[in-house]
Amino acid sequence: MLNALEVFTIVVVGVMVGVEFSVAFVINPILNALPGDADQLGRAHGGRLLGAVMPVWYITSLVLVAVWAVAGWHHHGTGLVVTAGALLILSVVMSILLLVPINNRGKTWTPDNRPADWKQQMNRWDRLHYVRVAVIITAFALLVAALDGAA
């Protein structure tokens, strides 16, 4: 049963990492290259869509990692799982304190009401998001390593 939990957790966290990686290195660069107001409109729509889905995904991932850590407390690799959990907590705290406030503003903007510094705010969001992606990739790698250590 523990093995199924480990695999399911890795899949859930891994897909989340893939989505966030794609936002950072595929979606936003595509949006940035679009003409006119398309960049801002796309980011606003993405902020609404992902802003609704990702909090549930982050919390679900964190809960799964916590359950894995507790269920496998006496198994090899538990320290890696706990460290991965701490990194996921860090990513949630970063999100709440740094990224969500920018996203909440940006998802309401239109070409008619956006502030003059909207691009600077989006660039700040992008830089913070790169750090968050690095954090969750590290958490994912630790989970994979913990699975290998448990075998």
Protein backbone atom coordinates (compact mmCIF):
# COMPACT_ATOMS: atom_id res chain seq x y z
CA MET A 1 0.00 0.00 0.00
CA LEU A 2 2.85 2.38 0.83
CA ASN A 3 4.34 1.78 -2.62
CA ALA A 4 1.07 2.81 -4.30
CA LEU A 5 0.97 5.98 -2.18
CA GLU A 6 4.57 6.78 -3.12
CA VAL A 7 3.94 6.33 -6.83
CA PHE A 8 0.66 8.28 -6.74
CA THR A 9 2.34 11.13 -4.83
CA ILE A 10 5.22 11.27 -7.30
CA VAL A 11 2.80 11.38 -10.24
CA VAL A 12 0.68 14.16 -8.69
CA VAL A 13 3.72 16.25 -7.71
CA GLY A 14 5.45 15.51 -11.02
CA VAL A 15 2.52 16.65 -13.13
CA MET A 16 2.24 19.81 -10.99
CA VAL A 17 5.94 20.48 -11.56
CA GLY A 18 5.41 19.95 -15.29
CA VAL A 19 2.57 22.47 -15.42
CA GLU A 20 4.56 25.09 -13.51
CA PHE A 21 7.66 24.44 -15.64
CA SER A 22 5.54 24.83 -18.76
CA VAL A 23 4.13 28.14 -17.52
CA ALA A 24 7.63 29.46 -16.87
CA PHE A 25 9.43 28.21 -19.96
CA VAL A 26 6.71 27.70 -22.60
CA ILE A 27 3.43 29.51 -21.98
CA ASN A 28 4.71 32.87 -20.72
CA PRO A 29 7.42 33.16 -23.40
CA ILE A 30 4.73 32.49 -26.02
CA LEU A 31 2.44 35.11 -24.46
CA ASN A 32 5.31 37.60 -24.24
CA ALA A 33 5.87 37.30 -28.00
CA LEU A 34 2.25 38.03 -28.95
CA PRO A 35 1.40 41.43 -30.42
CA GLY A 36 -0.73 44.14 -28.90
CA ASP A 37 -2.76 43.40 -25.81
CA ALA A 38 -2.70 39.61 -26.29
CA ASP A 39 0.09 39.12 -23.72
CA GLN A 40 -1.77 40.91 -20.97
CA LEU A 41 -5.13 39.33 -21.84
CA GLY A 42 -3.57 35.86 -21.94
CA ARG A 43 -1.85 36.34 -18.61
CA ALA A 44 -5.09 37.59 -17.03
CA HIS A 45 -6.97 34.55 -18.31
CA GLY A 46 -4.17 32.21 -17.23
CA GLY A 47 -4.14 33.87 -13.81
CA ARG A 48 -7.85 33.21 -13.39
CA LEU A 49 -7.68 29.61 -14.62
CA LEU A 50 -4.49 28.49 -12.87
CA GLY A 51 -5.23 30.67 -9.85
CA ALA A 52 -8.28 28.50 -9.23
CA VAL A 53 -6.62 25.12 -9.86
CA MET A 54 -3.08 25.38 -8.54
CA PRO A 55 -3.84 26.08 -4.85
CA VAL A 56 -5.78 22.79 -4.66
CA TRP A 57 -2.95 20.99 -6.46
CA TYR A 58 -0.25 22.41 -4.18
CA ILE A 59 -2.19 21.54 -1.02
CA THR A 60 -3.06 18.06 -2.32
CA SER A 61 0.62 17.47 -3.11
CA LEU A 62 1.65 18.63 0.34
CA VAL A 63 -0.95 16.41 2.04
CA LEU A 64 0.15 13.38 0.01
CA VAL A 65 3.79 14.00 0.94
CA ALA A 66 2.83 14.36 4.61
CA VAL A 67 0.88 11.09 4.52
CA TRP A 68 3.85 9.38 2.82
CA ALA A 69 6.22 10.72 5.50
CA VAL A 70 3.99 9.48 8.32
CA ALA A 71 3.16 6.12 6.72
CA GLY A 72 6.76 5.44 5.83
CA TRP A 73 8.34 6.94 8.93
CA HIS A 74 10.54 3.92 9.63
CA HIS A 75 11.51 3.31 6.00
CA HIS A 76 14.61 4.33 4.11
CA GLY A 77 14.27 7.72 2.44
CA THR A 78 11.91 9.32 4.93
CA GLY A 79 14.33 12.20 5.50
CA LEU A 80 14.16 12.96 1.79
CA VAL A 81 10.36 12.90 1.91
CA VAL A 82 10.31 15.25 4.91
CA THR A 83 12.74 17.60 3.15
CA ALA A 84 10.58 17.51 0.02
CA GLY A 85 7.58 18.38 2.21
CA ALA A 86 9.45 21.31 3.70
CA LEU A 87 10.25 22.56 0.20
CA LEU A 88 6.60 22.24 -0.79
CA ILE A 89 5.67 24.24 2.31
CA LEU A 90 8.21 26.86 1.22
CA SER A 91 6.63 26.96 -2.25
CA VAL A 92 3.17 27.48 -0.73
CA VAL A 93 4.45 30.27 1.54
CA MET A 94 6.24 31.89 -1.42
CA SER A 95 3.05 31.64 -3.44
CA ILE A 96 0.83 33.17 -0.77
CA LEU A 97 3.21 35.98 0.19
CA LEU A 98 4.82 36.85 -3.15
CA LEU A 99 3.12 35.44 -6.23
CA VAL A 100 -0.60 35.37 -5.40
CA PRO A 101 -0.85 39.11 -4.68
CA ILE A 102 0.59 39.91 -8.12
CA ASN A 103 -1.59 37.25 -9.75
CA ASN A 104 -4.72 38.57 -8.01
CA ARG A 105 -4.08 42.02 -9.42
CA GLY A 106 -3.14 40.79 -12.87
CA LYS A 107 -6.13 38.54 -13.38
CA THR A 108 -8.48 41.54 -13.12
CA TRP A 109 -6.61 43.73 -15.60
CA THR A 110 -7.87 44.62 -19.03
CA PRO A 111 -6.23 46.87 -21.60
CA ASP A 112 -8.46 49.66 -20.24
CA ASN A 113 -7.68 49.34 -16.52
CA ARG A 114 -4.16 47.90 -16.26
CA PRO A 115 -1.55 50.01 -14.47
CA ALA A 116 1.31 51.62 -16.34
CA ASP A 117 3.80 49.25 -14.69
CA TRP A 118 1.92 46.04 -15.50
CA LYS A 119 4.82 44.59 -17.49
CA GLN A 120 7.23 45.21 -14.60
CA GLN A 121 4.80 43.47 -12.24
CA MET A 122 4.54 40.51 -14.61
CA ASN A 123 8.34 40.38 -14.92
CA ARG A 124 8.59 40.29 -11.11
CA TRP A 125 6.03 37.48 -11.04
CA ASP A 126 8.09 35.60 -13.65
CA ARG A 127 11.32 35.95 -11.64
CA LEU A 128 9.63 34.74 -8.46
CA HIS A 129 7.99 31.92 -10.37
CA TYR A 130 11.41 30.73 -11.64
CA VAL A 131 12.52 30.41 -8.02
CA ARG A 132 9.32 28.56 -7.08
CA VAL A 133 9.81 26.19 -10.03
CA ALA A 134 13.36 25.44 -8.85
CA VAL A 135 12.03 24.73 -5.35
CA ILE A 136 9.33 22.31 -6.52
CA ILE A 137 11.65 20.58 -9.00
CA THR A 138 14.01 19.96 -6.08
CA ALA A 139 11.12 18.62 -3.98
CA PHE A 140 10.11 16.32 -6.84
CA ALA A 141 13.67 15.04 -7.27
CA LEU A 142 13.88 14.28 -3.54
CA LEU A 143 10.64 12.30 -3.72
CA VAL A 144 11.97 10.27 -6.64
CA ALA A 145 15.20 9.66 -4.75
CA ALA A 146 13.22 8.59 -1.68
CA LEU A 147 11.28 6.08 -3.74
CA ASP A 148 14.53 4.62 -5.04
CA GLY A 149 15.87 4.49 -1.48
CA ALA A 150 12.80 2.57 -0.32
CA ALA A 151 13.13 -0.18 -2.91
